[in-house]
C-alpha atoms as a PDB file:
ATOM      1  CA  MET A   1     -21.500 -28.221  14.682  1.00  0.00           C
ATOM      2  CA  LYS A   2     -21.698 -29.767  11.202  1.00  0.00           C
ATOM      3  CA  ASN A   3     -22.780 -26.440   9.676  1.00  0.00           C
ATOM      4  CA  ASP A   4     -19.917 -24.652  11.429  1.00  0.00           C
ATOM      5  CA  ARG A   5     -17.429 -27.213  10.101  1.00  0.00           C
ATOM      6  CA  THR A   6     -18.821 -26.750   6.592  1.00  0.00           C
ATOM      7  CA  ARG A   7     -18.403 -22.972   6.855  1.00  0.00           C
ATOM      8  CA  VAL A   8     -14.813 -23.394   8.018  1.00  0.00           C
ATOM      9  CA  LEU A   9     -14.035 -25.688   5.084  1.00  0.00           C
ATOM     10  CA  LEU A  10     -15.671 -23.261   2.648  1.00  0.00           C
ATOM     11  CA  ALA A  11     -13.742 -20.333   4.135  1.00  0.00           C
ATOM     12  CA  LEU A  12     -10.456 -22.240   3.916  1.00  0.00           C
ATOM     13  CA  GLY A  13     -11.127 -23.347   0.351  1.00  0.00           C
ATOM     14  CA  SER A  14     -12.078 -19.863  -0.783  1.00  0.00           C
ATOM     15  CA  LEU A  15      -8.985 -18.374   0.842  1.00  0.00           C
ATOM     16  CA  TYR A  16      -6.690 -20.945  -0.779  1.00  0.00           C
ATOM     17  CA  VAL A  17      -8.114 -20.319  -4.251  1.00  0.00           C
ATOM     18  CA  ILE A  18      -8.878 -16.593  -4.044  1.00  0.00           C
ATOM     19  CA  TRP A  19      -5.646 -15.321  -2.528  1.00  0.00           C
ATOM     20  CA  GLY A  20      -3.678 -17.709  -4.708  1.00  0.00           C
ATOM     21  CA  SER A  21      -5.417 -16.383  -7.824  1.00  0.00           C
ATOM     22  CA  THR A  22      -4.896 -12.695  -7.019  1.00  0.00           C
ATOM     23  CA  PHE A  23      -1.313 -12.832  -8.310  1.00  0.00           C
ATOM     24  CA  LEU A  24      -2.565 -13.623 -11.812  1.00  0.00           C
ATOM     25  CA  ALA A  25      -5.426 -11.104 -11.499  1.00  0.00           C
ATOM     26  CA  ILE A  26      -2.896  -8.392 -10.641  1.00  0.00           C
ATOM     27  CA  ARG A  27      -0.878  -9.204 -13.752  1.00  0.00           C
ATOM     28  CA  ILE A  28      -4.005  -8.943 -15.932  1.00  0.00           C
ATOM     29  CA  ALA A  29      -5.195  -5.708 -14.303  1.00  0.00           C
ATOM     30  CA  LEU A  30      -1.777  -4.128 -14.919  1.00  0.00           C
ATOM     31  CA  GLN A  31      -2.576  -4.235 -18.639  1.00  0.00           C
ATOM     32  CA  GLY A  32      -5.004  -1.346 -18.101  1.00  0.00           C
ATOM     33  CA  TYR A  33      -4.060   0.376 -14.849  1.00  0.00           C
ATOM     34  CA  PRO A  34      -0.761   1.778 -13.474  1.00  0.00           C
ATOM     35  CA  PRO A  35       0.452  -0.061 -10.343  1.00  0.00           C
ATOM     36  CA  LEU A  36      -0.083   2.440  -7.510  1.00  0.00           C
ATOM     37  CA  LEU A  37      -3.431   3.555  -8.879  1.00  0.00           C
ATOM     38  CA  LEU A  38      -4.497  -0.066  -9.289  1.00  0.00           C
ATOM     39  CA  ALA A  39      -3.638  -0.977  -5.700  1.00  0.00           C
ATOM     40  CA  GLY A  40      -5.108   2.256  -4.328  1.00  0.00           C
ATOM     41  CA  LEU A  41      -8.436   1.849  -6.132  1.00  0.00           C
ATOM     42  CA  ARG A  42      -8.673  -1.773  -5.050  1.00  0.00           C
ATOM     43  CA  PHE A  43      -8.359  -1.058  -1.341  1.00  0.00           C
ATOM     44  CA  VAL A  44     -10.252   2.239  -1.174  1.00  0.00           C
ATOM     45  CA  ILE A  45     -13.298   0.722  -2.900  1.00  0.00           C
ATOM     46  CA  ALA A  46     -13.107  -2.534  -0.921  1.00  0.00           C
ATOM     47  CA  GLY A  47     -12.622  -0.607   2.327  1.00  0.00           C
ATOM     48  CA  ALA A  48     -15.544   1.733   1.618  1.00  0.00           C
ATOM     49  CA  VAL A  49     -17.907  -1.145   0.795  1.00  0.00           C
ATOM     50  CA  THR A  50     -16.841  -3.119   3.881  1.00  0.00           C
ATOM     51  CA  TYR A  51     -17.125  -0.016   6.083  1.00  0.00           C
ATOM     52  CA  ALA A  52     -20.667   0.709   4.844  1.00  0.00           C
ATOM     53  CA  PHE A  53     -21.634  -2.938   5.409  1.00  0.00           C
ATOM     54  CA  VAL A  54     -20.412  -3.167   9.012  1.00  0.00           C
ATOM     55  CA  ARG A  55     -21.853   0.253   9.880  1.00  0.00           C
ATOM     56  CA  ALA A  56     -25.224  -0.844   8.486  1.00  0.00           C
ATOM     57  CA  ARG A  57     -25.043  -3.843  10.819  1.00  0.00           C
ATOM     58  CA  GLY A  58     -24.617  -1.548  13.812  1.00  0.00           C
ATOM     59  CA  ALA A  59     -20.854  -1.532  14.330  1.00  0.00           C
ATOM     60  CA  PRO A  60     -19.566   1.711  15.904  1.00  0.00           C
ATOM     61  CA  PRO A  61     -17.197   3.895  13.866  1.00  0.00           C
ATOM     62  CA  PRO A  62     -13.509   3.791  14.814  1.00  0.00           C
ATOM     63  CA  THR A  63     -12.306   6.299  17.384  1.00  0.00           C
ATOM     64  CA  ARG A  64      -9.627   8.860  16.510  1.00  0.00           C
ATOM     65  CA  THR A  65      -6.997   6.628  18.141  1.00  0.00           C
ATOM     66  CA  GLU A  66      -8.232   3.582  16.212  1.00  0.00           C
ATOM     67  CA  TRP A  67      -8.128   5.538  12.934  1.00  0.00           C
ATOM     68  CA  ARG A  68      -4.520   6.521  13.670  1.00  0.00           C
ATOM     69  CA  SER A  69      -3.582   2.907  14.383  1.00  0.00           C
ATOM     70  CA  SER A  70      -5.440   1.774  11.257  1.00  0.00           C
ATOM     71  CA  LEU A  71      -3.477   4.304   9.207  1.00  0.00           C
ATOM     72  CA  ILE A  72      -0.171   2.872  10.475  1.00  0.00           C
ATOM     73  CA  VAL A  73      -1.069  -0.785  10.046  1.00  0.00           C
ATOM     74  CA  GLY A  74      -3.063  -0.251   6.858  1.00  0.00           C
ATOM     75  CA  SER A  75      -0.238   1.707   5.215  1.00  0.00           C
ATOM     76  CA  LEU A  76       2.233  -1.105   5.933  1.00  0.00           C
ATOM     77  CA  LEU A  77      -0.044  -3.951   4.825  1.00  0.00           C
ATOM     78  CA  VAL A  78      -1.514  -2.235   1.778  1.00  0.00           C
ATOM     79  CA  CYS A  79       1.892  -0.928   0.687  1.00  0.00           C
ATOM     80  CA  ALA A  80       3.149  -4.510   0.914  1.00  0.00           C
ATOM     81  CA  ASN A  81       0.482  -5.482  -1.599  1.00  0.00           C
ATOM     82  CA  ALA A  82       1.334  -2.480  -3.764  1.00  0.00           C
ATOM     83  CA  CYS A  83       4.935  -3.697  -3.882  1.00  0.00           C
ATOM     84  CA  VAL A  84       3.714  -7.012  -5.321  1.00  0.00           C
ATOM     85  CA  VAL A  85       1.780  -5.078  -7.977  1.00  0.00           C
ATOM     86  CA  ILE A  86       4.893  -3.041  -8.835  1.00  0.00           C
ATOM     87  CA  ALA A  87       7.089  -6.163  -8.951  1.00  0.00           C
ATOM     88  CA  GLU A  88       4.730  -7.960 -11.332  1.00  0.00           C
ATOM     89  CA  GLN A  89       5.681  -5.418 -13.988  1.00  0.00           C
ATOM     90  CA  TRP A  90       9.033  -7.239 -14.151  1.00  0.00           C
ATOM     91  CA  VAL A  91       8.525 -10.789 -12.833  1.00  0.00           C
ATOM     92  CA  SER A  92       5.852 -13.422 -13.460  1.00  0.00           C
ATOM     93  CA  SER A  93       2.933 -13.883 -11.079  1.00  0.00           C
ATOM     94  CA  GLY A  94       4.218 -17.350 -10.159  1.00  0.00           C
ATOM     95  CA  VAL A  95       7.672 -16.102  -9.194  1.00  0.00           C
ATOM     96  CA  ALA A  96       6.107 -13.260  -7.173  1.00  0.00           C
ATOM     97  CA  ALA A  97       3.972 -15.788  -5.287  1.00  0.00           C
ATOM     98  CA  VAL A  98       6.999 -17.971  -4.533  1.00  0.00           C
ATOM     99  CA  ALA A  99       8.857 -14.952  -3.118  1.00  0.00           C
ATOM    100  CA  ILE A 100       5.865 -13.871  -0.999  1.00  0.00           C
ATOM    101  CA  ALA A 101       5.678 -17.398   0.465  1.00  0.00           C
ATOM    102  CA  SER A 102       8.590 -16.339   2.683  1.00  0.00           C
ATOM    103  CA  VAL A 103       6.424 -13.817   4.590  1.00  0.00           C
ATOM    104  CA  PRO A 104       6.035 -16.100   7.674  1.00  0.00           C
ATOM    105  CA  LEU A 105       9.838 -16.210   7.900  1.00  0.00           C
ATOM    106  CA  TRP A 106       9.967 -12.411   7.904  1.00  0.00           C
ATOM    107  CA  VAL A 107       7.204 -12.338  10.532  1.00  0.00           C
ATOM    108  CA  ALA A 108       9.318 -14.541  12.804  1.00  0.00           C
ATOM    109  CA  LEU A 109      12.335 -12.265  12.362  1.00  0.00           C
ATOM    110  CA  VAL A 110      10.380  -9.035  12.922  1.00  0.00           C
ATOM    111  CA  ALA A 111       8.751 -10.563  16.015  1.00  0.00           C
ATOM    112  CA  GLY A 112      12.256 -10.787  17.479  1.00  0.00           C
ATOM    113  CA  LEU A 113      12.636  -7.026  17.182  1.00  0.00           C
ATOM    114  CA  PHE A 114       9.522  -6.732  19.356  1.00  0.00           C
ATOM    115  CA  GLY A 115      10.998  -9.038  22.027  1.00  0.00           C
ATOM    116  CA  ARG A 116       9.905 -12.467  20.840  1.00  0.00           C
ATOM    117  CA  TRP A 117      12.995 -14.054  19.259  1.00  0.00           C
ATOM    118  CA  PRO A 118      12.585 -17.503  17.664  1.00  0.00           C
ATOM    119  CA  SER A 119      13.413 -20.596  19.701  1.00  0.00           C
ATOM    120  CA  ARG A 120      16.205 -22.969  18.708  1.00  0.00           C
ATOM    121  CA  GLY A 121      13.803 -25.136  16.728  1.00  0.00           C
ATOM    122  CA  GLU A 122      12.314 -22.100  15.003  1.00  0.00           C
ATOM    123  CA  TRP A 123      15.800 -20.918  14.014  1.00  0.00           C
ATOM    124  CA  ALA A 124      16.197 -24.230  12.156  1.00  0.00           C
ATOM    125  CA  GLY A 125      12.992 -23.546  10.228  1.00  0.00           C
ATOM    126  CA  LEU A 126      14.175 -20.008   9.504  1.00  0.00           C
ATOM    127  CA  ALA A 127      17.507 -21.286   8.197  1.00  0.00           C
ATOM    128  CA  ILE A 128      15.827 -23.741   5.821  1.00  0.00           C
ATOM    129  CA  GLY A 129      13.309 -21.190   4.579  1.00  0.00           C
ATOM    130  CA  LEU A 130      15.886 -18.452   4.104  1.00  0.00           C
ATOM    131  CA  ALA A 131      18.046 -20.903   2.155  1.00  0.00           C
ATOM    132  CA  GLY A 132      15.118 -21.214  -0.249  1.00  0.00           C
ATOM    133  CA  VAL A 133      14.876 -17.416  -0.471  1.00  0.00           C
ATOM    134  CA  ALA A 134      18.620 -17.238  -1.224  1.00  0.00           C
ATOM    135  CA  ILE A 135      18.278 -19.834  -4.001  1.00  0.00           C
ATOM    136  CA  LEU A 136      15.381 -17.887  -5.499  1.00  0.00           C
ATOM    137  CA  GLN A 137      17.311 -14.616  -5.325  1.00  0.00           C
ATOM    138  CA  THR A 138      20.383 -16.082  -7.020  1.00  0.00           C
ATOM    139  CA  GLY A 139      18.408 -17.904  -9.712  1.00  0.00           C
ATOM    140  CA  GLY A 140      17.590 -16.526 -13.106  1.00  0.00           C
ATOM    141  CA  ASP A 141      13.970 -15.607 -12.232  1.00  0.00           C
ATOM    142  CA  LEU A 142      14.825 -12.758  -9.869  1.00  0.00           C
ATOM    143  CA  ARG A 143      18.485 -12.201 -10.722  1.00  0.00           C
ATOM    144  CA  ALA A 144      17.363 -10.965 -14.138  1.00  0.00           C
ATOM    145  CA  SER A 145      15.225  -8.341 -12.377  1.00  0.00           C
ATOM    146  CA  PRO A 146      17.066  -6.748  -9.422  1.00  0.00           C
ATOM    147  CA  ALA A 147      14.282  -4.168  -9.114  1.00  0.00           C
ATOM    148  CA  GLY A 148      11.655  -6.907  -8.842  1.00  0.00           C
ATOM    149  CA  ALA A 149      13.701  -8.742  -6.212  1.00  0.00           C
ATOM    150  CA  ALA A 150      14.194  -5.557  -4.167  1.00  0.00           C
ATOM    151  CA  VAL A 151      10.512  -4.581  -4.278  1.00  0.00           C
ATOM    152  CA  LEU A 152       9.370  -8.086  -3.280  1.00  0.00           C
ATOM    153  CA  THR A 153      11.798  -8.006  -0.343  1.00  0.00           C
ATOM    154  CA  VAL A 154      10.297  -4.698   0.781  1.00  0.00           C
ATOM    155  CA  SER A 155       6.824  -6.224   0.402  1.00  0.00           C
ATOM    156  CA  CYS A 156       7.678  -9.152   2.713  1.00  0.00           C
ATOM    157  CA  ALA A 157       9.270  -6.890   5.327  1.00  0.00           C
ATOM    158  CA  SER A 158       6.375  -4.391   5.231  1.00  0.00           C
ATOM    159  CA  TRP A 159       3.728  -7.109   5.617  1.00  0.00           C
ATOM    160  CA  ALA A 160       5.643  -8.677   8.513  1.00  0.00           C
ATOM    161  CA  LEU A 161       6.097  -5.339  10.303  1.00  0.00           C
ATOM    162  CA  GLY A 162       2.424  -4.434   9.861  1.00  0.00           C
ATOM    163  CA  SER A 163       1.267  -7.856  11.072  1.00  0.00           C
ATOM    164  CA  ILE A 164       3.379  -7.775  14.231  1.00  0.00           C
ATOM    165  CA  TRP A 165       2.788  -4.093  15.009  1.00  0.00           C
ATOM    166  CA  SER A 166      -0.985  -4.566  14.680  1.00  0.00           C
ATOM    167  CA  ARG A 167      -0.954  -6.686  17.841  1.00  0.00           C
ATOM    168  CA  ARG A 168       0.360  -3.760  19.878  1.00  0.00           C
ATOM    169  CA  LEU A 169      -1.936  -1.020  18.574  1.00  0.00           C
ATOM    170  CA  PRO A 170      -5.588  -0.246  19.486  1.00  0.00           C
ATOM    171  CA  LEU A 171      -7.606  -1.262  16.425  1.00  0.00           C
ATOM    172  CA  PRO A 172     -11.358  -1.580  15.770  1.00  0.00           C
ATOM    173  CA  LYS A 173     -13.043  -4.915  16.352  1.00  0.00           C
ATOM    174  CA  GLY A 174     -13.960  -7.504  13.728  1.00  0.00           C
ATOM    175  CA  LEU A 175     -14.442  -6.525  10.109  1.00  0.00           C
ATOM    176  CA  MET A 176     -14.265  -2.835  11.003  1.00  0.00           C
ATOM    177  CA  ALA A 177     -10.512  -3.321  11.485  1.00  0.00           C
ATOM    178  CA  SER A 178     -10.133  -4.566   7.905  1.00  0.00           C
ATOM    179  CA  ALA A 179     -12.387  -1.795   6.569  1.00  0.00           C
ATOM    180  CA  ALA A 180     -10.468   0.977   8.342  1.00  0.00           C
ATOM    181  CA  GLN A 181      -7.081  -0.434   7.349  1.00  0.00           C
ATOM    182  CA  MET A 182      -8.045  -0.847   3.689  1.00  0.00           C
ATOM    183  CA  LEU A 183      -9.536   2.655   3.556  1.00  0.00           C
ATOM    184  CA  ALA A 184      -6.598   4.361   5.258  1.00  0.00           C
ATOM    185  CA  GLY A 185      -3.912   2.422   3.403  1.00  0.00           C
ATOM    186  CA  GLY A 186      -5.705   2.786   0.089  1.00  0.00           C
ATOM    187  CA  MET A 187      -5.920   6.563   0.483  1.00  0.00           C
ATOM    188  CA  VAL A 188      -2.164   6.682   1.120  1.00  0.00           C
ATOM    189  CA  LEU A 189      -1.568   4.733  -2.102  1.00  0.00           C
ATOM    190  CA  LEU A 190      -3.857   7.009  -4.111  1.00  0.00           C
ATOM    191  CA  LEU A 191      -1.959  10.028  -2.764  1.00  0.00           C
ATOM    192  CA  PHE A 192       1.351   8.511  -3.861  1.00  0.00           C
ATOM    193  CA  ALA A 193      -0.169   7.624  -7.248  1.00  0.00           C
ATOM    194  CA  VAL A 194      -1.156  11.266  -7.789  1.00  0.00           C
ATOM    195  CA  LEU A 195       2.226  12.571  -6.616  1.00  0.00           C
ATOM    196  CA  HIS A 196       3.951  10.065  -8.896  1.00  0.00           C
ATOM    197  CA  GLY A 197       1.900  11.350 -11.806  1.00  0.00           C
ATOM    198  CA  GLU A 198       0.097   8.089 -12.534  1.00  0.00           C
ATOM    199  CA  ARG A 199      -2.875   8.449 -14.860  1.00  0.00           C
ATOM    200  CA  VAL A 200      -5.063   6.129 -16.893  1.00  0.00           C
ATOM    201  CA  SER A 201      -4.059   7.375 -20.351  1.00  0.00           C
ATOM    202  CA  ALA A 202      -6.543   5.225 -22.264  1.00  0.00           C
ATOM    203  CA  VAL A 203      -9.797   3.473 -21.494  1.00  0.00           C
ATOM    204  CA  PRO A 204      -8.810   0.192 -19.776  1.00  0.00           C
ATOM    205  CA  THR A 205      -9.785  -3.016 -21.508  1.00  0.00           C
ATOM    206  CA  ALA A 206     -12.757  -4.973 -20.209  1.00  0.00           C
ATOM    207  CA  ARG A 207     -10.350  -7.779 -19.216  1.00  0.00           C
ATOM    208  CA  ALA A 208      -8.262  -5.455 -17.043  1.00  0.00           C
ATOM    209  CA  THR A 209     -11.338  -3.903 -15.427  1.00  0.00           C
ATOM    210  CA  LEU A 210     -12.818  -7.316 -14.672  1.00  0.00           C
ATOM    211  CA  ALA A 211      -9.521  -8.303 -13.050  1.00  0.00           C
ATOM    212  CA  LEU A 212      -9.657  -5.158 -10.880  1.00  0.00           C
ATOM    213  CA  ALA A 213     -13.272  -5.953  -9.938  1.00  0.00           C
ATOM    214  CA  TYR A 214     -12.173  -9.479  -8.994  1.00  0.00           C
ATOM    215  CA  LEU A 215      -9.401  -8.084  -6.785  1.00  0.00           C
ATOM    216  CA  ILE A 216     -11.885  -5.762  -5.061  1.00  0.00           C
ATOM    217  CA  VAL A 217     -14.738  -8.212  -4.518  1.00  0.00           C
ATOM    218  CA  ALA A 218     -13.025 -11.581  -4.202  1.00  0.00           C
ATOM    219  CA  GLY A 219      -9.470 -10.668  -3.200  1.00  0.00           C
ATOM    220  CA  SER A 220     -10.291  -7.990  -0.633  1.00  0.00           C
ATOM    221  CA  ILE A 221     -13.940  -8.097   0.499  1.00  0.00           C
ATOM    222  CA  VAL A 222     -14.538 -11.876   0.406  1.00  0.00           C
ATOM    223  CA  GLY A 223     -10.935 -12.850   1.168  1.00  0.00           C
ATOM    224  CA  TYR A 224     -10.561 -10.661   4.228  1.00  0.00           C
ATOM    225  CA  SER A 225     -14.032 -11.638   5.486  1.00  0.00           C
ATOM    226  CA  ALA A 226     -13.143 -15.331   5.186  1.00  0.00           C
ATOM    227  CA  TYR A 227      -9.852 -14.748   6.976  1.00  0.00           C
ATOM    228  CA  GLN A 228     -11.549 -12.840   9.828  1.00  0.00           C
ATOM    229  CA  TYR A 229     -14.106 -15.661  10.166  1.00  0.00           C
ATOM    230  CA  LEU A 230     -11.357 -18.275  10.378  1.00  0.00           C
ATOM    231  CA  LEU A 231      -9.465 -16.292  13.005  1.00  0.00           C
ATOM    232  CA  SER A 232     -12.591 -16.339  15.190  1.00  0.00           C
ATOM    233  CA  ARG A 233     -13.267 -20.069  14.703  1.00  0.00           C
ATOM    234  CA  VAL A 234      -9.998 -22.021  14.306  1.00  0.00           C
ATOM    235  CA  ARG A 235      -6.381 -22.008  15.446  1.00  0.00           C
ATOM    236  CA  PRO A 236      -4.268 -19.190  13.988  1.00  0.00           C
ATOM    237  CA  THR A 237      -1.929 -21.762  12.430  1.00  0.00           C
ATOM    238  CA  LEU A 238      -4.848 -23.241  10.465  1.00  0.00           C
ATOM    239  CA  ALA A 239      -6.148 -19.813   9.456  1.00  0.00           C
ATOM    240  CA  ALA A 240      -2.672 -18.894   8.186  1.00  0.00           C
ATOM    241  CA  SER A 241      -2.294 -22.134   6.241  1.00  0.00           C
ATOM    242  CA  TYR A 242      -3.055 -20.171   3.051  1.00  0.00           C
ATOM    243  CA  ALA A 243       0.677 -19.381   2.991  1.00  0.00           C
ATOM    244  CA  TYR A 244       1.340 -23.034   2.113  1.00  0.00           C
ATOM    245  CA  VAL A 245      -1.207 -23.267  -0.699  1.00  0.00           C
ATOM    246  CA  ASN A 246      -1.308 -19.842  -2.394  1.00  0.00           C
ATOM    247  CA  PRO A 247       2.066 -20.188  -4.182  1.00  0.00           C
ATOM    248  CA  VAL A 248       1.060 -23.563  -5.629  1.00  0.00           C
ATOM    249  CA  VAL A 249      -2.247 -22.115  -6.890  1.00  0.00           C
ATOM    250  CA  ALA A 250      -0.501 -19.022  -8.281  1.00  0.00           C
ATOM    251  CA  VAL A 251       2.164 -21.018 -10.119  1.00  0.00           C
ATOM    252  CA  GLY A 252      -0.438 -23.398 -11.564  1.00  0.00           C
ATOM    253  CA  LEU A 253      -2.755 -20.608 -12.727  1.00  0.00           C
ATOM    254  CA  GLY A 254       0.122 -18.601 -14.167  1.00  0.00           C
ATOM    255  CA  ALA A 255       1.236 -21.589 -16.226  1.00  0.00           C
ATOM    256  CA  ALA A 256      -2.260 -22.663 -17.313  1.00  0.00           C
ATOM    257  CA  VAL A 257      -3.837 -19.276 -18.061  1.00  0.00           C
ATOM    258  CA  ALA A 258      -0.965 -16.913 -18.841  1.00  0.00           C
ATOM    259  CA  GLY A 259       1.549 -19.415 -20.202  1.00  0.00           C
ATOM    260  CA  GLU A 260       4.122 -18.464 -17.571  1.00  0.00           C
ATOM    261  CA  SER A 261       7.040 -20.794 -16.996  1.00  0.00           C
ATOM    262  CA  VAL A 262       8.761 -21.339 -13.659  1.00  0.00           C
ATOM    263  CA  ALA A 263      12.291 -22.709 -13.601  1.00  0.00           C
ATOM    264  CA  PRO A 264      13.023 -25.905 -11.638  1.00  0.00           C
ATOM    265  CA  ARG A 265      15.258 -23.825  -9.370  1.00  0.00           C
ATOM    266  CA  ALA A 266      12.207 -21.769  -8.335  1.00  0.00           C
ATOM    267  CA  ILE A 267      10.222 -24.949  -7.588  1.00  0.00           C
ATOM    268  CA  GLY A 268      13.059 -26.179  -5.382  1.00  0.00           C
ATOM    269  CA  ALA A 269      13.211 -22.809  -3.647  1.00  0.00           C
ATOM    270  CA  LEU A 270       9.464 -22.989  -3.021  1.00  0.00           C
ATOM    271  CA  ALA A 271       9.850 -26.434  -1.434  1.00  0.00           C
ATOM    272  CA  LEU A 272      12.539 -25.127   0.949  1.00  0.00           C
ATOM    273  CA  ILE A 273      10.568 -21.981   1.822  1.00  0.00           C
ATOM    274  CA  LEU A 274       7.380 -23.910   2.581  1.00  0.00           C
ATOM    275  CA  GLY A 275       9.377 -26.497   4.528  1.00  0.00           C
ATOM    276  CA  GLY A 276      10.792 -23.744   6.717  1.00  0.00           C
ATOM    277  CA  VAL A 277       7.359 -22.181   7.175  1.00  0.00           C
ATOM    278  CA  ALA A 278       5.922 -25.583   8.151  1.00  0.00           C
ATOM    279  CA  MET A 279       8.637 -26.038  10.788  1.00  0.00           C
ATOM    280  CA  LEU A 280       7.851 -22.602  12.225  1.00  0.00           C
ATOM    281  CA  ALA A 281       4.116 -23.375  12.372  1.00  0.00           C
ATOM    282  CA  ILE A 282       4.667 -26.755  14.046  1.00  0.00           C
ATOM    283  CA  ARG A 283       7.073 -25.324  16.610  1.00  0.00           C
ATOM    284  CA  ARG A 284       4.762 -22.427  17.508  1.00  0.00           C
ATOM    285  CA  GLN A 285       1.760 -24.713  17.807  1.00  0.00           C
ATOM    286  CA  ALA A 286       3.690 -26.962  20.158  1.00  0.00           C
ATOM    287  CA  ALA A 287       4.965 -24.013  22.253  1.00  0.00           C
END
C-alpha cells in the first residue's frame, strides 16, 4: 500500500512538472522545426516507441475497428496539441498555458452535445471560468494576436471533442490506446505538414533538437504513461488535477527561463478559469 501511494505521488508530481514544462519546450523547439512537422514528429516517434513497448509485453495489436477509432480520437487530440504549437509562434508559452487551462470548461460544454448537460451548480462554475476566458481574450496578451487566440480556441474545442468522443468509441486497452492514437494522429499531422510545404531548411540547433527529444520522451511517452497509471489507480478528478497546476508551472518556467512576462490581467484570468474548473470538479465528484 505504501509503495502504491509513493508511485501515485511520483506519477502526479511528474505529470504536474512535465506537462507544465512542455509549453516552454515547444517554444524552444520551434526555433529549429516548423510547427506541424514538429508536432507530427513528436507523436509519430512517441507512438511508435510506445507501440513497440506494449507489443513486446504481449499486448495484442488493435483491430481494424480500433485503428479507425484511434484515427478519429488521435486526430482530434493530437491536432489540439498542434494548435498550441502553431499559437506559440505568436503568443508566449505562459499565455498559451493560461488559455489551455480552460479545456475542462470546454469538456463540460461538449459533453452537453452528447446528452450530458451541466447541472445548475456546474453552470455556475462554467460562468466563472468563461468569464476568465473572456478577460484573457479581451486583454492585451491575446488581443494583440487574433490568430493566436483563434488557434488556441480551436485547440480547446478539439481536445474537448476528442476526450468526450473517446468514451463512445471502441479503443484498444491500456497504453495501446495512447500508442495507436499518437501514431494515427501524428501521421495525419505529418501529411498536413508535407501538403503545407513545411521543410527543415537548415540543420536545427542542438537546443531545439533537445527540446523535441524532451517532448517525445518526457511529454508524450512518460507523461501519457503516468496519466494512464493514475487513471487506473485514483479518482478521475485527481488524475485530471494537472489542469490546475500546469498553467502555474508554465508561467513560472516561461518567466524564469525565457524571460517571458505575463500581464496582471492574465493572472486574474487564470484565477477565474481555475476557480471555475475547481467548481466543476467538486460538483462532478459530489454527483
